[in-house]
Every structure is written in C-alpha cells, then in structure tokens.
Amino acid sequence: AYFLSLSSEMRSSSATLRTNVFLPTDKEHICQITFHYWISQTGGTLMVGLQKHSEDTITNIWQDLGELQNQWKTNTITINSTEKYEV
C-alpha cells in the first residue's frame, strides 16, 4: 500500500508517486490497479501516467479534476503493455 498527501499548506504544488517496474502484460495477465483518493473542495488535479521502458515520456492515462468533490472515491485502471512499464 502507498499513501501520498499534499495540502495547500505545503510549499510544493505537486507530488509524484511511482510504482515498481511491472513486467509486460498479455491476454492472460492484464494489470489492474485500484486506488482510493480524496480531492478537497479547494480542488486540484490527480493524474495517472504510464511510462513504458523504452520511452522517456509519461503518457497520461487517467485524470480527475476534482472540482467540489470533498469525498473519497475509488477507481480501477486496466493496463496492457507489451513491454516493462511504471505507473
């Protein structure tokens, strides 16, 4: 389990949490990542990115703008990749 908290009182306006390197997926071994998140009424954007082993860039695969939510939410992302990757 991982936990990350970012408040308006902190100096930084962003934070990053990275997974370990996952192996390639196939039809029998897809990867599903489930996470719980809270975005306060002050707003913010939560993004999930995918970085493949052969690429330097991170591709945004999901985001929530979190406007006026102030509640816990749960989301599951399914990932298929033919090479090693990080989320």
PDB file of N, CA and C in Angstrom:
ATOM      1  N   ALA A   1       0.835  -1.186   0.000  1.00  0.00           N
ATOM      2  CA  ALA A   1       0.000   0.000   0.000  1.00  0.00           C
ATOM      3  C   ALA A   1       0.874   1.241   0.000  1.00  0.00           C
ATOM      4  N   TYR A   2       0.462   2.254  -0.733  1.00  0.00           N
ATOM      5  CA  TYR A   2       1.165   3.527  -0.807  1.00  0.00           C
ATOM      6  C   TYR A   2       0.229   4.622  -0.326  1.00  0.00           C
ATOM      7  N   PHE A   3       0.784   5.683   0.236  1.00  0.00           N
ATOM      8  CA  PHE A   3      -0.017   6.813   0.689  1.00  0.00           C
ATOM      9  C   PHE A   3       0.720   8.090   0.350  1.00  0.00           C
ATOM     10  N   LEU A   4      -0.001   9.058  -0.197  1.00  0.00           N
ATOM     11  CA  LEU A   4       0.575  10.346  -0.550  1.00  0.00           C
ATOM     12  C   LEU A   4      -0.411  11.426  -0.164  1.00  0.00           C
ATOM     13  N   SER A   5       0.072  12.443   0.547  1.00  0.00           N
ATOM     14  CA  SER A   5      -0.785  13.547   0.956  1.00  0.00           C
ATOM     15  C   SER A   5      -0.141  14.851   0.522  1.00  0.00           C
ATOM     16  N   LEU A   6      -0.949  15.728  -0.055  1.00  0.00           N
ATOM     17  CA  LEU A   6      -0.469  17.034  -0.494  1.00  0.00           C
ATOM     18  C   LEU A   6      -1.503  18.061  -0.068  1.00  0.00           C
ATOM     19  N   SER A   7      -1.107  19.018   0.769  1.00  0.00           N
ATOM     20  CA  SER A   7      -2.046  20.025   1.251  1.00  0.00           C
ATOM     21  C   SER A   7      -1.640  21.400   0.744  1.00  0.00           C
ATOM     22  N   SER A   8      -2.561  22.337   0.821  1.00  0.00           N
ATOM     23  CA  SER A   8      -2.294  23.697   0.363  1.00  0.00           C
ATOM     24  C   SER A   8      -1.267  24.393   1.243  1.00  0.00           C
ATOM     25  N   GLU A   9      -1.012  23.846   2.438  1.00  0.00           N
ATOM     26  CA  GLU A   9      -0.032  24.438   3.343  1.00  0.00           C
ATOM     27  C   GLU A   9       1.401  24.066   2.971  1.00  0.00           C
ATOM     28  N   MET A  10       1.561  23.074   2.100  1.00  0.00           N
ATOM     29  CA  MET A  10       2.898  22.647   1.707  1.00  0.00           C
ATOM     30  C   MET A  10       3.461  23.595   0.661  1.00  0.00           C
ATOM     31  N   ARG A  11       4.757  23.719   0.621  1.00  0.00           N
ATOM     32  CA  ARG A  11       5.406  24.613  -0.346  1.00  0.00           C
ATOM     33  C   ARG A  11       5.251  24.116  -1.777  1.00  0.00           C
ATOM     34  N   SER A  12       5.338  22.818  -1.964  1.00  0.00           N
ATOM     35  CA  SER A  12       5.245  22.251  -3.304  1.00  0.00           C
ATOM     36  C   SER A  12       3.788  22.196  -3.754  1.00  0.00           C
ATOM     37  N   SER A  13       3.568  22.439  -5.031  1.00  0.00           N
ATOM     38  CA  SER A  13       2.203  22.385  -5.554  1.00  0.00           C
ATOM     39  C   SER A  13       1.922  21.059  -6.250  1.00  0.00           C
ATOM     40  N   SER A  14       2.905  20.153  -6.265  1.00  0.00           N
ATOM     41  CA  SER A  14       2.678  18.852  -6.880  1.00  0.00           C
ATOM     42  C   SER A  14       3.535  17.798  -6.188  1.00  0.00           C
ATOM     43  N   ALA A  15       3.153  16.550  -6.391  1.00  0.00           N
ATOM     44  CA  ALA A  15       3.891  15.423  -5.833  1.00  0.00           C
ATOM     45  C   ALA A  15       3.738  14.245  -6.781  1.00  0.00           C
ATOM     46  N   THR A  16       4.702  13.326  -6.733  1.00  0.00           N
ATOM     47  CA  THR A  16       4.692  12.172  -7.620  1.00  0.00           C
ATOM     48  C   THR A  16       4.901  10.904  -6.820  1.00  0.00           C
ATOM     49  N   LEU A  17       4.122   9.893  -7.150  1.00  0.00           N
ATOM     50  CA  LEU A  17       4.243   8.579  -6.542  1.00  0.00           C
ATOM     51  C   LEU A  17       4.406   7.586  -7.682  1.00  0.00           C
ATOM     52  N   ARG A  18       5.512   6.828  -7.689  1.00  0.00           N
ATOM     53  CA  ARG A  18       5.789   5.878  -8.774  1.00  0.00           C
ATOM     54  C   ARG A  18       5.747   4.445  -8.256  1.00  0.00           C
ATOM     55  N   THR A  19       5.274   3.546  -9.120  1.00  0.00           N
ATOM     56  CA  THR A  19       5.251   2.125  -8.778  1.00  0.00           C
ATOM     57  C   THR A  19       6.614   1.508  -9.084  1.00  0.00           C
ATOM     58  N   ASN A  20       6.763   0.256  -8.705  1.00  0.00           N
ATOM     59  CA  ASN A  20       7.900  -0.529  -9.163  1.00  0.00           C
ATOM     60  C   ASN A  20       7.720  -0.797 -10.653  1.00  0.00           C
ATOM     61  N   VAL A  21       8.731  -1.367 -11.286  1.00  0.00           N
ATOM     62  CA  VAL A  21       8.629  -1.732 -12.699  1.00  0.00           C
ATOM     63  C   VAL A  21       7.804  -3.007 -12.815  1.00  0.00           C
ATOM     64  N   PHE A  22       6.767  -2.955 -13.665  1.00  0.00           N
ATOM     65  CA  PHE A  22       5.927  -4.124 -13.922  1.00  0.00           C
ATOM     66  C   PHE A  22       6.375  -4.796 -15.214  1.00  0.00           C
ATOM     67  N   LEU A  23       6.179  -6.113 -15.292  1.00  0.00           N
ATOM     68  CA  LEU A  23       6.532  -6.865 -16.487  1.00  0.00           C
ATOM     69  C   LEU A  23       5.455  -6.682 -17.555  1.00  0.00           C
ATOM     70  N   PRO A  24       5.770  -7.003 -18.820  1.00  0.00           N
ATOM     71  CA  PRO A  24       4.763  -6.881 -19.891  1.00  0.00           C
ATOM     72  C   PRO A  24       3.517  -7.704 -19.584  1.00  0.00           C
ATOM     73  N   THR A  25       2.409  -7.262 -20.127  1.00  0.00           N
ATOM     74  CA  THR A  25       1.142  -7.972 -19.935  1.00  0.00           C
ATOM     75  C   THR A  25       0.766  -8.717 -21.212  1.00  0.00           C
ATOM     76  N   ASP A  26      -0.125  -9.675 -21.072  1.00  0.00           N
ATOM     77  CA  ASP A  26      -0.704 -10.349 -22.223  1.00  0.00           C
ATOM     78  C   ASP A  26      -2.178 -10.607 -21.921  1.00  0.00           C
ATOM     79  N   LYS A  27      -2.875 -11.331 -22.780  1.00  0.00           N
ATOM     80  CA  LYS A  27      -4.313 -11.539 -22.584  1.00  0.00           C
ATOM     81  C   LYS A  27      -4.627 -12.252 -21.283  1.00  0.00           C
ATOM     82  N   GLU A  28      -3.708 -13.082 -20.805  1.00  0.00           N
ATOM     83  CA  GLU A  28      -3.950 -13.830 -19.576  1.00  0.00           C
ATOM     84  C   GLU A  28      -3.465 -13.083 -18.334  1.00  0.00           C
ATOM     85  N   HIS A  29      -2.628 -12.088 -18.501  1.00  0.00           N
ATOM     86  CA  HIS A  29      -2.033 -11.399 -17.362  1.00  0.00           C
ATOM     87  C   HIS A  29      -2.145  -9.878 -17.510  1.00  0.00           C
ATOM     88  N   ILE A  30      -3.358  -9.377 -17.512  1.00  0.00           N
ATOM     89  CA  ILE A  30      -3.526  -7.927 -17.538  1.00  0.00           C
ATOM     90  C   ILE A  30      -3.239  -7.370 -16.149  1.00  0.00           C
ATOM     91  N   CYS A  31      -2.943  -6.098 -16.078  1.00  0.00           N
ATOM     92  CA  CYS A  31      -2.666  -5.459 -14.793  1.00  0.00           C
ATOM     93  C   CYS A  31      -3.822  -4.520 -14.464  1.00  0.00           C
ATOM     94  N   GLN A  32      -4.362  -4.671 -13.279  1.00  0.00           N
ATOM     95  CA  GLN A  32      -5.382  -3.746 -12.803  1.00  0.00           C
ATOM     96  C   GLN A  32      -4.874  -3.081 -11.533  1.00  0.00           C
ATOM     97  N   ILE A  33      -4.920  -1.771 -11.515  1.00  0.00           N
ATOM     98  CA  ILE A  33      -4.501  -1.000 -10.348  1.00  0.00           C
ATOM     99  C   ILE A  33      -5.735  -0.305  -9.786  1.00  0.00           C
ATOM    100  N   THR A  34      -6.041  -0.573  -8.518  1.00  0.00           N
ATOM    101  CA  THR A  34      -7.163   0.070  -7.842  1.00  0.00           C
ATOM    102  C   THR A  34      -6.618   1.035  -6.810  1.00  0.00           C
ATOM    103  N   PHE A  35      -7.163   2.236  -6.781  1.00  0.00           N
ATOM    104  CA  PHE A  35      -6.699   3.222  -5.814  1.00  0.00           C
ATOM    105  C   PHE A  35      -7.872   4.040  -5.281  1.00  0.00           C
ATOM    106  N   HIS A  36      -7.700   4.544  -4.071  1.00  0.00           N
ATOM    107  CA  HIS A  36      -8.687   5.387  -3.413  1.00  0.00           C
ATOM    108  C   HIS A  36      -8.079   6.778  -3.306  1.00  0.00           C
ATOM    109  N   TYR A  37      -8.892   7.800  -3.523  1.00  0.00           N
ATOM    110  CA  TYR A  37      -8.360   9.154  -3.478  1.00  0.00           C
ATOM    111  C   TYR A  37      -9.399  10.137  -2.962  1.00  0.00           C
ATOM    112  N   TRP A  38      -8.896  11.242  -2.456  1.00  0.00           N
ATOM    113  CA  TRP A  38      -9.721  12.317  -1.907  1.00  0.00           C
ATOM    114  C   TRP A  38      -9.184  13.631  -2.454  1.00  0.00           C
ATOM    115  N   ILE A  39     -10.043  14.398  -3.072  1.00  0.00           N
ATOM    116  CA  ILE A  39      -9.672  15.748  -3.513  1.00  0.00           C
ATOM    117  C   ILE A  39     -10.595  16.703  -2.791  1.00  0.00           C
ATOM    118  N   SER A  40     -10.016  17.643  -2.049  1.00  0.00           N
ATOM    119  CA  SER A  40     -10.818  18.538  -1.217  1.00  0.00           C
ATOM    120  C   SER A  40     -11.566  19.561  -2.064  1.00  0.00           C
ATOM    121  N   GLN A  41     -12.372  20.365  -1.408  1.00  0.00           N
ATOM    122  CA  GLN A  41     -13.165  21.374  -2.104  1.00  0.00           C
ATOM    123  C   GLN A  41     -12.301  22.468  -2.714  1.00  0.00           C
ATOM    124  N   THR A  42     -11.042  22.578  -2.271  1.00  0.00           N
ATOM    125  CA  THR A  42     -10.159  23.586  -2.874  1.00  0.00           C
ATOM    126  C   THR A  42      -9.702  23.157  -4.258  1.00  0.00           C
ATOM    127  N   GLY A  43      -9.967  21.925  -4.620  1.00  0.00           N
ATOM    128  CA  GLY A  43      -9.696  21.457  -5.972  1.00  0.00           C
ATOM    129  C   GLY A  43      -8.285  20.951  -6.164  1.00  0.00           C
ATOM    130  N   GLY A  44      -7.964  20.669  -7.391  1.00  0.00           N
ATOM    131  CA  GLY A  44      -6.683  20.099  -7.760  1.00  0.00           C
ATOM    132  C   GLY A  44      -6.905  19.069  -8.841  1.00  0.00           C
ATOM    133  N   THR A  45      -5.832  18.548  -9.380  1.00  0.00           N
ATOM    134  CA  THR A  45      -5.930  17.537 -10.428  1.00  0.00           C
ATOM    135  C   THR A  45      -5.097  16.336 -10.038  1.00  0.00           C
ATOM    136  N   LEU A  46      -5.697  15.158 -10.100  1.00  0.00           N
ATOM    137  CA  LEU A  46      -4.994  13.911  -9.867  1.00  0.00           C
ATOM    138  C   LEU A  46      -4.840  13.230 -11.213  1.00  0.00           C
ATOM    139  N   MET A  47      -3.602  12.873 -11.559  1.00  0.00           N
ATOM    140  CA  MET A  47      -3.345  12.241 -12.851  1.00  0.00           C
ATOM    141  C   MET A  47      -2.609  10.923 -12.648  1.00  0.00           C
ATOM    142  N   VAL A  48      -2.906   9.953 -13.515  1.00  0.00           N
ATOM    143  CA  VAL A  48      -2.195   8.686 -13.538  1.00  0.00           C
ATOM    144  C   VAL A  48      -1.516   8.589 -14.895  1.00  0.00           C
ATOM    145  N   GLY A  49      -0.221   8.349 -14.861  1.00  0.00           N
ATOM    146  CA  GLY A  49       0.550   8.271 -16.099  1.00  0.00           C
ATOM    147  C   GLY A  49       1.198   6.912 -16.256  1.00  0.00           C
ATOM    148  N   LEU A  50       1.519   6.567 -17.497  1.00  0.00           N
ATOM    149  CA  LEU A  50       2.160   5.309 -17.834  1.00  0.00           C
ATOM    150  C   LEU A  50       3.471   5.619 -18.545  1.00  0.00           C
ATOM    151  N   GLN A  51       4.564   5.049 -18.029  1.00  0.00           N
ATOM    152  CA  GLN A  51       5.856   5.216 -18.693  1.00  0.00           C
ATOM    153  C   GLN A  51       6.373   3.849 -19.082  1.00  0.00           C
ATOM    154  N   LYS A  52       6.459   3.619 -20.395  1.00  0.00           N
ATOM    155  CA  LYS A  52       6.988   2.354 -20.897  1.00  0.00           C
ATOM    156  C   LYS A  52       8.505   2.376 -20.818  1.00  0.00           C
ATOM    157  N   HIS A  53       9.088   1.187 -20.709  1.00  0.00           N
ATOM    158  CA  HIS A  53      10.525   1.033 -20.504  1.00  0.00           C
ATOM    159  C   HIS A  53      11.347   1.699 -21.612  1.00  0.00           C
ATOM    160  N   SER A  54      10.843   1.700 -22.840  1.00  0.00           N
ATOM    161  CA  SER A  54      11.597   2.231 -23.978  1.00  0.00           C
ATOM    162  C   SER A  54      11.369   3.728 -24.206  1.00  0.00           C
ATOM    163  N   GLU A  55      10.508   4.355 -23.405  1.00  0.00           N
ATOM    164  CA  GLU A  55      10.156   5.761 -23.634  1.00  0.00           C
ATOM    165  C   GLU A  55      10.587   6.633 -22.468  1.00  0.00           C
ATOM    166  N   ASP A  56      10.962   7.862 -22.777  1.00  0.00           N
ATOM    167  CA  ASP A  56      11.331   8.827 -21.741  1.00  0.00           C
ATOM    168  C   ASP A  56      10.119   9.613 -21.249  1.00  0.00           C
ATOM    169  N   THR A  57       9.059   9.635 -22.020  1.00  0.00           N
ATOM    170  CA  THR A  57       7.892  10.436 -21.686  1.00  0.00           C
ATOM    171  C   THR A  57       6.861   9.617 -20.915  1.00  0.00           C
ATOM    172  N   ILE A  58       6.042  10.326 -20.152  1.00  0.00           N
ATOM    173  CA  ILE A  58       4.946   9.704 -19.401  1.00  0.00           C
ATOM    174  C   ILE A  58       3.639  10.045 -20.108  1.00  0.00           C
ATOM    175  N   THR A  59       2.856   9.035 -20.436  1.00  0.00           N
ATOM    176  CA  THR A  59       1.570   9.228 -21.106  1.00  0.00           C
ATOM    177  C   THR A  59       0.464   9.264 -20.063  1.00  0.00           C
ATOM    178  N   ASN A  60      -0.332  10.327 -20.070  1.00  0.00           N
ATOM    179  CA  ASN A  60      -1.452  10.450 -19.142  1.00  0.00           C
ATOM    180  C   ASN A  60      -2.550   9.473 -19.560  1.00  0.00           C
ATOM    181  N   ILE A  61      -2.908   8.536 -18.645  1.00  0.00           N
ATOM    182  CA  ILE A  61      -3.929   7.540 -18.983  1.00  0.00           C
ATOM    183  C   ILE A  61      -5.225   7.738 -18.202  1.00  0.00           C
ATOM    184  N   TRP A  62      -5.225   8.650 -17.219  1.00  0.00           N
ATOM    185  CA  TRP A  62      -6.441   8.924 -16.438  1.00  0.00           C
ATOM    186  C   TRP A  62      -6.230  10.211 -15.655  1.00  0.00           C
ATOM    187  N   GLN A  63      -7.313  10.972 -15.445  1.00  0.00           N
ATOM    188  CA  GLN A  63      -7.217  12.142 -14.575  1.00  0.00           C
ATOM    189  C   GLN A  63      -8.587  12.507 -14.017  1.00  0.00           C
ATOM    190  N   ASP A  64      -8.564  13.204 -12.881  1.00  0.00           N
ATOM    191  CA  ASP A  64      -9.778  13.717 -12.247  1.00  0.00           C
ATOM    192  C   ASP A  64      -9.479  15.145 -11.819  1.00  0.00           C
ATOM    193  N   LEU A  65     -10.277  16.075 -12.294  1.00  0.00           N
ATOM    194  CA  LEU A  65     -10.069  17.476 -11.950  1.00  0.00           C
ATOM    195  C   LEU A  65     -10.475  17.787 -10.523  1.00  0.00           C
ATOM    196  N   GLY A  66     -11.326  16.960  -9.939  1.00  0.00           N
ATOM    197  CA  GLY A  66     -11.643  17.068  -8.525  1.00  0.00           C
ATOM    198  C   GLY A  66     -12.345  18.340  -8.109  1.00  0.00           C
ATOM    199  N   GLU A  67     -13.200  18.866  -8.943  1.00  0.00           N
ATOM    200  CA  GLU A  67     -13.889  20.115  -8.621  1.00  0.00           C
ATOM    201  C   GLU A  67     -15.030  19.862  -7.631  1.00  0.00           C
ATOM    202  N   LEU A  68     -14.957  20.478  -6.475  1.00  0.00           N
ATOM    203  CA  LEU A  68     -16.002  20.449  -5.443  1.00  0.00           C
ATOM    204  C   LEU A  68     -16.437  19.031  -5.069  1.00  0.00           C
ATOM    205  N   GLN A  69     -15.484  18.148  -4.852  1.00  0.00           N
ATOM    206  CA  GLN A  69     -15.840  16.766  -4.509  1.00  0.00           C
ATOM    207  C   GLN A  69     -15.885  16.557  -3.003  1.00  0.00           C
ATOM    208  N   ASN A  70     -14.750  16.776  -2.350  1.00  0.00           N
ATOM    209  CA  ASN A  70     -14.651  16.634  -0.900  1.00  0.00           C
ATOM    210  C   ASN A  70     -15.204  15.294  -0.404  1.00  0.00           C
ATOM    211  N   GLN A  71     -14.822  14.211  -1.090  1.00  0.00           N
ATOM    212  CA  GLN A  71     -15.265  12.881  -0.697  1.00  0.00           C
ATOM    213  C   GLN A  71     -14.272  11.840  -1.216  1.00  0.00           C
ATOM    214  N   TRP A  72     -14.283  10.655  -0.591  1.00  0.00           N
ATOM    215  CA  TRP A  72     -13.440   9.564  -1.051  1.00  0.00           C
ATOM    216  C   TRP A  72     -14.034   8.963  -2.316  1.00  0.00           C
ATOM    217  N   LYS A  73     -13.174   8.624  -3.269  1.00  0.00           N
ATOM    218  CA  LYS A  73     -13.583   7.944  -4.485  1.00  0.00           C
ATOM    219  C   LYS A  73     -12.628   6.784  -4.731  1.00  0.00           C
ATOM    220  N   THR A  74     -13.074   5.821  -5.512  1.00  0.00           N
ATOM    221  CA  THR A  74     -12.269   4.660  -5.871  1.00  0.00           C
ATOM    222  C   THR A  74     -12.252   4.522  -7.381  1.00  0.00           C
ATOM    223  N   ASN A  75     -11.098   4.155  -7.923  1.00  0.00           N
ATOM    224  CA  ASN A  75     -11.007   3.951  -9.362  1.00  0.00           C
ATOM    225  C   ASN A  75     -10.101   2.757  -9.651  1.00  0.00           C
ATOM    226  N   THR A  76     -10.415   2.035 -10.714  1.00  0.00           N
ATOM    227  CA  THR A  76      -9.582   0.921 -11.166  1.00  0.00           C
ATOM    228  C   THR A  76      -9.182   1.177 -12.606  1.00  0.00           C
ATOM    229  N   ILE A  77      -7.894   1.035 -12.872  1.00  0.00           N
ATOM    230  CA  ILE A  77      -7.358   1.229 -14.216  1.00  0.00           C
ATOM    231  C   ILE A  77      -6.806  -0.104 -14.699  1.00  0.00           C
ATOM    232  N   THR A  78      -7.148  -0.487 -15.930  1.00  0.00           N
ATOM    233  CA  THR A  78      -6.614  -1.697 -16.552  1.00  0.00           C
ATOM    234  C   THR A  78      -5.512  -1.294 -17.523  1.00  0.00           C
ATOM    235  N   ILE A  79      -4.370  -1.956 -17.407  1.00  0.00           N
ATOM    236  CA  ILE A  79      -3.218  -1.602 -18.232  1.00  0.00           C
ATOM    237  C   ILE A  79      -2.788  -2.811 -19.046  1.00  0.00           C
ATOM    238  N   ASN A  80      -2.567  -2.573 -20.340  1.00  0.00           N
ATOM    239  CA  ASN A  80      -1.989  -3.570 -21.227  1.00  0.00           C
ATOM    240  C   ASN A  80      -0.733  -2.965 -21.838  1.00  0.00           C
ATOM    241  N   SER A  81       0.386  -3.632 -21.708  1.00  0.00           N
ATOM    242  CA  SER A  81       1.634  -3.134 -22.263  1.00  0.00           C
ATOM    243  C   SER A  81       2.467  -4.313 -22.743  1.00  0.00           C
ATOM    244  N   THR A  82       3.063  -4.174 -23.909  1.00  0.00           N
ATOM    245  CA  THR A  82       3.890  -5.240 -24.455  1.00  0.00           C
ATOM    246  C   THR A  82       5.322  -5.173 -23.945  1.00  0.00           C
ATOM    247  N   GLU A  83       5.616  -4.187 -23.099  1.00  0.00           N
ATOM    248  CA  GLU A  83       6.957  -4.058 -22.526  1.00  0.00           C
ATOM    249  C   GLU A  83       6.872  -3.653 -21.066  1.00  0.00           C
ATOM    250  N   LYS A  84       8.000  -3.670 -20.384  1.00  0.00           N
ATOM    251  CA  LYS A  84       8.030  -3.272 -18.973  1.00  0.00           C
ATOM    252  C   LYS A  84       7.548  -1.831 -18.847  1.00  0.00           C
ATOM    253  N   TYR A  85       6.935  -1.524 -17.696  1.00  0.00           N
ATOM    254  CA  TYR A  85       6.379  -0.176 -17.522  1.00  0.00           C
ATOM    255  C   TYR A  85       6.286   0.188 -16.049  1.00  0.00           C
ATOM    256  N   GLU A  86       6.105   1.481 -15.811  1.00  0.00           N
ATOM    257  CA  GLU A  86       5.832   2.026 -14.483  1.00  0.00           C
ATOM    258  C   GLU A  86       4.572   2.867 -14.568  1.00  0.00           C
ATOM    259  N   VAL A  87       3.877   2.990 -13.440  1.00  0.00           N
ATOM    260  CA  VAL A  87       2.667   3.809 -13.374  1.00  0.00           C
ATOM    261  C   VAL A  87       2.903   4.925 -12.400  1.00  0.00           C
TER     262      VAL A  87
END
